Amino acid sequence: MNSDDFDQRLTRQPLRPVPAAWRDELLARAGGIQPSTPLFQLSTFNFQLRQWLWPCPQAWAALAAVWVLLLAVNFSTRDRSATNTASANALPVMPYAWREQQKFLAELFPPEPIAPPRPRVQPTPALPATPRSELRFIARREEEIA
């Protein structure tokens, strides 16, 4: 059956109304559903998160767990008193250390002297684009004249 034939048969078929009992039952069920706001927001968040992690959610979850574990270990093993005093004492020394390092590098790798610019060479003019036979003819005439 061709799709055009199907469309024509479908347009000729009359629409039947929905039975009243079904209509009342469907409307009653639809009216009784009231989504709670937190559940709806959580569902939207889960949907967006699922779309973002779609290619392989287990790999993303494992990666997130590893990062959380690393951050927890990092913050738990940090000694706050030693870090604060060391950073406070190191701040004034930094510009001096930077200058000393630059001097040391300049001694190790002296700057290369700048080479003078090369003179531009003018290309020699090419011979005129004439057949070689004419050149021979001109050379013979010059020999005859001389």
N, C-alpha and C. Protein backbone atom coordinates (compact mmCIF):
# COMPACT_ATOMS: atom_id res chain seq x y z
N MET A 1 0.84 -1.17 0.00
CA MET A 1 0.00 0.00 0.00
C MET A 1 0.89 1.24 0.00
N ASN A 2 0.59 2.16 -0.83
CA ASN A 2 1.34 3.39 -0.96
C ASN A 2 0.99 4.33 0.21
N SER A 3 1.92 5.17 0.61
CA SER A 3 1.65 6.07 1.72
C SER A 3 0.59 7.10 1.35
N ASP A 4 0.50 7.45 0.07
CA ASP A 4 -0.54 8.39 -0.36
C ASP A 4 -1.91 7.76 -0.22
N ASP A 5 -2.03 6.48 -0.56
CA ASP A 5 -3.30 5.77 -0.40
C ASP A 5 -3.71 5.73 1.06
N PHE A 6 -2.76 5.47 1.93
CA PHE A 6 -3.04 5.42 3.36
C PHE A 6 -3.52 6.77 3.87
N ASP A 7 -2.85 7.85 3.44
CA ASP A 7 -3.26 9.18 3.85
C ASP A 7 -4.68 9.50 3.37
N GLN A 8 -4.99 9.11 2.18
CA GLN A 8 -6.34 9.37 1.66
C GLN A 8 -7.39 8.59 2.44
N ARG A 9 -7.09 7.33 2.75
CA ARG A 9 -8.05 6.53 3.53
C ARG A 9 -8.22 7.12 4.93
N LEU A 10 -7.13 7.63 5.49
CA LEU A 10 -7.19 8.19 6.83
C LEU A 10 -8.01 9.49 6.86
N THR A 11 -7.89 10.31 5.81
CA THR A 11 -8.66 11.55 5.78
C THR A 11 -10.15 11.27 5.56
N ARG A 12 -10.49 10.18 4.90
CA ARG A 12 -11.90 9.85 4.67
C ARG A 12 -12.57 9.23 5.89
N GLN A 13 -11.79 8.71 6.83
CA GLN A 13 -12.36 8.03 7.99
C GLN A 13 -12.82 9.07 9.01
N PRO A 14 -14.05 8.96 9.52
CA PRO A 14 -14.56 9.95 10.47
C PRO A 14 -13.94 9.74 11.86
N LEU A 15 -13.78 10.84 12.60
CA LEU A 15 -13.25 10.77 13.97
C LEU A 15 -14.37 10.39 14.92
N ARG A 16 -14.08 9.50 15.85
CA ARG A 16 -15.08 9.09 16.83
C ARG A 16 -14.79 9.81 18.15
N PRO A 17 -15.78 10.27 18.83
CA PRO A 17 -15.55 10.95 20.11
C PRO A 17 -15.14 9.94 21.19
N VAL A 18 -14.37 10.44 22.17
CA VAL A 18 -13.93 9.61 23.29
C VAL A 18 -15.15 9.36 24.18
N PRO A 19 -15.35 8.13 24.64
CA PRO A 19 -16.49 7.86 25.52
C PRO A 19 -16.43 8.73 26.77
N ALA A 20 -17.58 9.15 27.25
CA ALA A 20 -17.67 10.09 28.37
C ALA A 20 -17.07 9.49 29.65
N ALA A 21 -17.25 8.19 29.86
CA ALA A 21 -16.72 7.55 31.07
C ALA A 21 -15.20 7.58 31.06
N TRP A 22 -14.62 7.32 29.91
CA TRP A 22 -13.15 7.35 29.81
C TRP A 22 -12.64 8.76 30.04
N ARG A 23 -13.32 9.72 29.42
CA ARG A 23 -12.88 11.11 29.53
C ARG A 23 -12.90 11.56 30.99
N ASP A 24 -13.97 11.27 31.71
CA ASP A 24 -14.07 11.67 33.12
C ASP A 24 -13.00 10.99 33.97
N GLU A 25 -12.75 9.71 33.70
CA GLU A 25 -11.74 8.98 34.47
C GLU A 25 -10.33 9.55 34.22
N LEU A 26 -10.00 9.84 32.96
CA LEU A 26 -8.68 10.40 32.64
C LEU A 26 -8.47 11.77 33.27
N LEU A 27 -9.48 12.60 33.19
CA LEU A 27 -9.36 13.94 33.79
C LEU A 27 -9.24 13.86 35.31
N ALA A 28 -9.93 12.93 35.94
CA ALA A 28 -9.84 12.78 37.39
C ALA A 28 -8.43 12.35 37.80
N ARG A 29 -7.88 11.40 37.06
CA ARG A 29 -6.52 10.95 37.38
C ARG A 29 -5.50 12.06 37.15
N ALA A 30 -5.62 12.80 36.06
CA ALA A 30 -4.67 13.87 35.75
C ALA A 30 -4.77 15.00 36.75
N GLY A 31 -5.96 15.28 37.24
CA GLY A 31 -6.14 16.37 38.20
C GLY A 31 -5.60 16.01 39.57
N GLY A 32 -5.57 14.73 39.90
CA GLY A 32 -5.12 14.32 41.23
C GLY A 32 -3.61 14.32 41.38
N ILE A 33 -2.84 14.40 40.30
CA ILE A 33 -1.38 14.36 40.37
C ILE A 33 -0.86 15.76 40.63
N GLN A 34 -0.20 15.94 41.73
CA GLN A 34 0.40 17.21 42.10
C GLN A 34 1.89 16.98 42.38
N PRO A 35 2.80 17.31 41.45
CA PRO A 35 4.22 17.08 41.72
C PRO A 35 4.71 18.05 42.78
N SER A 36 5.45 17.53 43.74
CA SER A 36 6.02 18.40 44.76
C SER A 36 7.23 19.12 44.19
N THR A 37 7.49 20.32 44.64
CA THR A 37 8.54 21.15 44.07
C THR A 37 9.94 20.56 44.26
N PRO A 38 10.35 20.10 45.47
CA PRO A 38 11.71 19.55 45.61
C PRO A 38 11.94 18.32 44.74
N LEU A 39 10.93 17.46 44.64
CA LEU A 39 11.08 16.26 43.82
C LEU A 39 11.25 16.64 42.35
N PHE A 40 10.49 17.64 41.91
CA PHE A 40 10.58 18.08 40.53
C PHE A 40 11.96 18.68 40.25
N GLN A 41 12.47 19.50 41.18
CA GLN A 41 13.79 20.10 40.98
C GLN A 41 14.87 19.03 41.00
N LEU A 42 14.76 18.06 41.88
CA LEU A 42 15.74 16.98 41.95
C LEU A 42 15.69 16.16 40.67
N SER A 43 14.50 15.93 40.15
CA SER A 43 14.37 15.18 38.91
C SER A 43 15.04 15.93 37.76
N THR A 44 14.85 17.24 37.70
CA THR A 44 15.47 18.05 36.65
C THR A 44 16.98 18.01 36.78
N PHE A 45 17.48 18.13 38.01
CA PHE A 45 18.93 18.07 38.24
C PHE A 45 19.49 16.72 37.82
N ASN A 46 18.78 15.64 38.19
CA ASN A 46 19.24 14.30 37.81
C ASN A 46 19.25 14.14 36.30
N PHE A 47 18.22 14.67 35.63
CA PHE A 47 18.16 14.56 34.18
C PHE A 47 19.33 15.30 33.53
N GLN A 48 19.59 16.51 34.01
CA GLN A 48 20.70 17.28 33.44
C GLN A 48 22.04 16.60 33.72
N LEU A 49 22.20 16.09 34.92
CA LEU A 49 23.43 15.39 35.26
C LEU A 49 23.60 14.13 34.41
N ARG A 50 22.53 13.41 34.18
CA ARG A 50 22.59 12.20 33.36
C ARG A 50 22.96 12.54 31.91
N GLN A 51 22.42 13.63 31.40
CA GLN A 51 22.75 14.04 30.03
C GLN A 51 24.22 14.41 29.92
N TRP A 52 24.76 15.03 30.93
CA TRP A 52 26.16 15.46 30.90
C TRP A 52 27.11 14.27 31.03
N LEU A 53 26.73 13.30 31.84
CA LEU A 53 27.59 12.15 32.08
C LEU A 53 27.22 10.95 31.21
N TRP A 54 26.44 11.17 30.19
CA TRP A 54 25.87 10.08 29.41
C TRP A 54 26.87 9.08 28.85
N PRO A 55 28.00 9.49 28.21
CA PRO A 55 28.82 8.47 27.54
C PRO A 55 29.23 7.30 28.43
N CYS A 56 29.65 7.57 29.64
CA CYS A 56 30.01 6.46 30.54
C CYS A 56 29.88 6.95 31.98
N PRO A 57 28.71 6.84 32.56
CA PRO A 57 28.49 7.40 33.90
C PRO A 57 29.33 6.72 34.98
N GLN A 58 29.64 5.45 34.82
CA GLN A 58 30.44 4.78 35.84
C GLN A 58 31.86 5.36 35.87
N ALA A 59 32.41 5.65 34.72
CA ALA A 59 33.76 6.22 34.68
C ALA A 59 33.78 7.61 35.29
N TRP A 60 32.77 8.42 34.99
CA TRP A 60 32.72 9.77 35.56
C TRP A 60 32.54 9.70 37.08
N ALA A 61 31.71 8.79 37.55
CA ALA A 61 31.49 8.66 38.99
C ALA A 61 32.78 8.22 39.68
N ALA A 62 33.50 7.29 39.08
CA ALA A 62 34.76 6.84 39.67
C ALA A 62 35.79 7.97 39.69
N LEU A 63 35.84 8.74 38.62
CA LEU A 63 36.77 9.87 38.58
C LEU A 63 36.42 10.91 39.64
N ALA A 64 35.15 11.19 39.80
CA ALA A 64 34.73 12.16 40.82
C ALA A 64 35.08 11.64 42.21
N ALA A 65 34.90 10.36 42.46
CA ALA A 65 35.23 9.78 43.77
C ALA A 65 36.72 9.89 44.04
N VAL A 66 37.54 9.65 43.04
CA VAL A 66 39.00 9.77 43.21
C VAL A 66 39.38 11.21 43.54
N TRP A 67 38.79 12.17 42.85
CA TRP A 67 39.10 13.58 43.13
C TRP A 67 38.68 13.96 44.55
N VAL A 68 37.51 13.54 44.97
CA VAL A 68 37.05 13.85 46.33
C VAL A 68 37.99 13.22 47.35
N LEU A 69 38.42 11.99 47.09
CA LEU A 69 39.35 11.32 48.00
C LEU A 69 40.69 12.06 48.07
N LEU A 70 41.21 12.49 46.91
CA LEU A 70 42.47 13.22 46.89
C LEU A 70 42.37 14.56 47.63
N LEU A 71 41.28 15.26 47.43
CA LEU A 71 41.10 16.53 48.14
C LEU A 71 40.99 16.32 49.65
N ALA A 72 40.29 15.28 50.06
CA ALA A 72 40.16 14.99 51.49
C ALA A 72 41.52 14.66 52.10
N VAL A 73 42.31 13.84 51.42
CA VAL A 73 43.65 13.50 51.93
C VAL A 73 44.54 14.74 51.97
N ASN A 74 44.45 15.57 50.95
CA ASN A 74 45.27 16.78 50.89
C ASN A 74 44.95 17.72 52.06
N PHE A 75 43.67 17.95 52.32
CA PHE A 75 43.31 18.87 53.39
C PHE A 75 43.57 18.27 54.77
N SER A 76 43.48 16.97 54.90
CA SER A 76 43.69 16.36 56.22
C SER A 76 45.18 16.30 56.59
N THR A 77 46.07 16.20 55.62
CA THR A 77 47.49 16.07 55.93
C THR A 77 48.22 17.41 55.95
N ARG A 78 47.54 18.49 55.67
CA ARG A 78 48.20 19.78 55.63
C ARG A 78 48.47 20.30 57.05
N ASP A 79 49.70 20.82 57.27
CA ASP A 79 50.06 21.43 58.55
C ASP A 79 49.89 22.94 58.39
N ARG A 80 48.88 23.49 58.98
CA ARG A 80 48.53 24.89 58.75
C ARG A 80 49.52 25.86 59.38
N SER A 81 50.06 25.57 60.53
CA SER A 81 50.95 26.52 61.20
C SER A 81 52.27 26.66 60.44
N ALA A 82 52.85 25.57 59.98
CA ALA A 82 54.13 25.63 59.26
C ALA A 82 53.95 26.31 57.91
N THR A 83 52.83 26.10 57.25
CA THR A 83 52.59 26.69 55.94
C THR A 83 52.46 28.20 56.04
N ASN A 84 51.74 28.68 57.04
CA ASN A 84 51.52 30.12 57.18
C ASN A 84 52.81 30.86 57.50
N THR A 85 53.64 30.31 58.38
CA THR A 85 54.87 31.00 58.75
C THR A 85 55.89 30.96 57.62
N ALA A 86 55.95 29.84 56.89
CA ALA A 86 56.90 29.73 55.79
C ALA A 86 56.53 30.68 54.66
N SER A 87 55.26 30.79 54.35
CA SER A 87 54.86 31.68 53.26
C SER A 87 55.02 33.15 53.67
N ALA A 88 54.80 33.46 54.92
CA ALA A 88 54.96 34.86 55.37
C ALA A 88 56.43 35.27 55.33
N ASN A 89 57.35 34.37 55.64
CA ASN A 89 58.77 34.70 55.61
C ASN A 89 59.34 34.72 54.19
N ALA A 90 58.74 33.99 53.28
CA ALA A 90 59.28 33.87 51.93
C ALA A 90 58.89 35.04 51.03
N LEU A 91 57.86 35.78 51.35
CA LEU A 91 57.38 36.83 50.45
C LEU A 91 58.40 37.93 50.18
N PRO A 92 59.10 38.50 51.16
CA PRO A 92 60.05 39.57 50.84
C PRO A 92 61.28 39.08 50.07
N VAL A 93 61.60 37.80 50.16
CA VAL A 93 62.79 37.28 49.52
C VAL A 93 62.57 37.02 48.03
N MET A 94 61.36 36.84 47.60
CA MET A 94 61.06 36.44 46.23
C MET A 94 61.61 37.41 45.17
N PRO A 95 61.40 38.72 45.25
CA PRO A 95 61.95 39.60 44.19
C PRO A 95 63.48 39.53 44.13
N TYR A 96 64.13 39.44 45.29
CA TYR A 96 65.58 39.36 45.33
C TYR A 96 66.06 38.06 44.67
N ALA A 97 65.40 36.96 44.99
CA ALA A 97 65.77 35.67 44.40
C ALA A 97 65.54 35.68 42.89
N TRP A 98 64.50 36.33 42.43
CA TRP A 98 64.23 36.43 41.00
C TRP A 98 65.35 37.18 40.28
N ARG A 99 65.78 38.31 40.86
CA ARG A 99 66.87 39.08 40.24
C ARG A 99 68.17 38.28 40.22
N GLU A 100 68.46 37.57 41.30
CA GLU A 100 69.67 36.75 41.35
C GLU A 100 69.62 35.64 40.30
N GLN A 101 68.48 35.04 40.13
CA GLN A 101 68.35 33.98 39.14
C GLN A 101 68.56 34.54 37.73
N GLN A 102 68.03 35.72 37.45
CA GLN A 102 68.20 36.33 36.14
C GLN A 102 69.67 36.66 35.87
N LYS A 103 70.38 37.14 36.88
CA LYS A 103 71.81 37.43 36.73
C LYS A 103 72.59 36.15 36.44
N PHE A 104 72.28 35.09 37.19
CA PHE A 104 72.96 33.82 37.00
C PHE A 104 72.74 33.27 35.60
N LEU A 105 71.49 33.35 35.11
CA LEU A 105 71.20 32.88 33.77
C LEU A 105 71.91 33.73 32.71
N ALA A 106 72.03 35.02 32.95
CA ALA A 106 72.73 35.89 32.00
C ALA A 106 74.21 35.54 31.94
N GLU A 107 74.80 35.13 33.07
CA GLU A 107 76.20 34.71 33.06
C GLU A 107 76.38 33.38 32.33
N LEU A 108 75.46 32.48 32.54
CA LEU A 108 75.56 31.18 31.88
C LEU A 108 75.34 31.27 30.37
N PHE A 109 74.36 32.02 29.97
CA PHE A 109 74.01 32.15 28.56
C PHE A 109 74.07 33.61 28.15
N PRO A 110 75.26 34.07 27.76
CA PRO A 110 75.35 35.47 27.38
C PRO A 110 74.54 35.74 26.11
N PRO A 111 74.03 36.94 25.98
CA PRO A 111 73.25 37.23 24.77
C PRO A 111 74.13 37.18 23.53
N GLU A 112 73.59 36.68 22.45
CA GLU A 112 74.34 36.58 21.21
C GLU A 112 74.46 37.96 20.57
N PRO A 113 75.65 38.26 20.00
CA PRO A 113 75.78 39.57 19.36
C PRO A 113 74.87 39.64 18.13
N ILE A 114 74.38 40.82 17.90
CA ILE A 114 73.48 41.01 16.77
C ILE A 114 74.33 41.14 15.51
N ALA A 115 74.06 40.30 14.54
CA ALA A 115 74.82 40.31 13.29
C ALA A 115 74.39 41.52 12.45
N PRO A 116 75.37 42.14 11.75
CA PRO A 116 74.98 43.27 10.90
C PRO A 116 74.08 42.78 9.76
N PRO A 117 73.22 43.62 9.30
CA PRO A 117 72.33 43.18 8.22
C PRO A 117 73.10 42.87 6.96
N ARG A 118 72.68 41.84 6.25
CA ARG A 118 73.35 41.45 5.01
C ARG A 118 72.95 42.42 3.89
N PRO A 119 73.91 42.77 3.05
CA PRO A 119 73.55 43.67 1.94
C PRO A 119 72.64 42.93 0.95
N ARG A 120 71.73 43.67 0.41
CA ARG A 120 70.82 43.08 -0.57
C ARG A 120 71.53 43.00 -1.92
N VAL A 121 71.51 41.86 -2.51
CA VAL A 121 72.15 41.64 -3.79
C VAL A 121 71.11 41.87 -4.88
N GLN A 122 71.46 42.74 -5.81
CA GLN A 122 70.55 43.00 -6.92
C GLN A 122 70.69 41.88 -7.94
N PRO A 123 69.62 41.32 -8.40
CA PRO A 123 69.72 40.26 -9.39
C PRO A 123 70.20 40.85 -10.73
N THR A 124 70.98 40.03 -11.44
CA THR A 124 71.47 40.49 -12.75
C THR A 124 70.32 40.48 -13.73
N PRO A 125 70.27 41.47 -14.58
CA PRO A 125 69.15 41.50 -15.52
C PRO A 125 69.26 40.34 -16.51
N ALA A 126 68.16 39.77 -16.83
CA ALA A 126 68.13 38.63 -17.74
C ALA A 126 68.24 39.13 -19.17
N LEU A 127 68.73 38.27 -20.04
CA LEU A 127 68.81 38.60 -21.45
C LEU A 127 67.40 38.75 -22.01
N PRO A 128 67.25 39.55 -23.01
CA PRO A 128 65.91 39.69 -23.58
C PRO A 128 65.44 38.36 -24.15
N ALA A 129 64.18 38.16 -24.11
CA ALA A 129 63.60 36.90 -24.58
C ALA A 129 63.50 36.91 -26.09
N THR A 130 64.64 36.68 -26.74
CA THR A 130 64.67 36.62 -28.21
C THR A 130 65.22 35.27 -28.61
N PRO A 131 64.90 34.81 -29.78
CA PRO A 131 65.45 33.53 -30.23
C PRO A 131 66.97 33.59 -30.34
N ARG A 132 67.64 32.49 -30.14
CA ARG A 132 69.10 32.45 -30.18
C ARG A 132 69.63 32.74 -31.59
N SER A 133 68.88 32.43 -32.57
CA SER A 133 69.35 32.68 -33.94
C SER A 133 69.57 34.18 -34.17
N GLU A 134 68.74 35.01 -33.58
CA GLU A 134 68.93 36.46 -33.74
C GLU A 134 70.21 36.89 -33.03
N LEU A 135 70.51 36.28 -31.89
CA LEU A 135 71.74 36.65 -31.20
C LEU A 135 72.95 36.30 -32.06
N ARG A 136 72.93 35.16 -32.73
CA ARG A 136 74.04 34.78 -33.60
C ARG A 136 74.14 35.75 -34.78
N PHE A 137 72.98 36.13 -35.26
CA PHE A 137 72.98 37.05 -36.40
C PHE A 137 73.58 38.40 -35.99
N ILE A 138 73.26 38.87 -34.80
CA ILE A 138 73.82 40.14 -34.32
C ILE A 138 75.32 39.98 -34.12
N ALA A 139 75.77 38.85 -33.56
CA ALA A 139 77.19 38.65 -33.33
C ALA A 139 77.95 38.59 -34.66
N ARG A 140 77.43 37.97 -35.73
CA ARG A 140 78.09 37.91 -37.02
C ARG A 140 78.19 39.29 -37.65
N ARG A 141 77.14 40.06 -37.53
CA ARG A 141 77.18 41.40 -38.12
C ARG A 141 78.25 42.23 -37.42
N GLU A 142 78.38 42.08 -36.12
CA GLU A 142 79.40 42.85 -35.42
C GLU A 142 80.80 42.41 -35.88
N GLU A 143 80.98 41.12 -36.18
CA GLU A 143 82.28 40.65 -36.68
C GLU A 143 82.54 41.21 -38.07
N GLU A 144 81.52 41.29 -38.90
CA GLU A 144 81.71 41.83 -40.25
C GLU A 144 82.05 43.31 -40.21
N ILE A 145 81.44 44.01 -39.31
CA ILE A 145 81.69 45.45 -39.19
C ILE A 145 83.11 45.69 -38.69
N ALA A 146 83.58 44.89 -37.79
CA ALA A 146 84.89 45.12 -37.21
C ALA A 146 86.02 44.74 -38.07
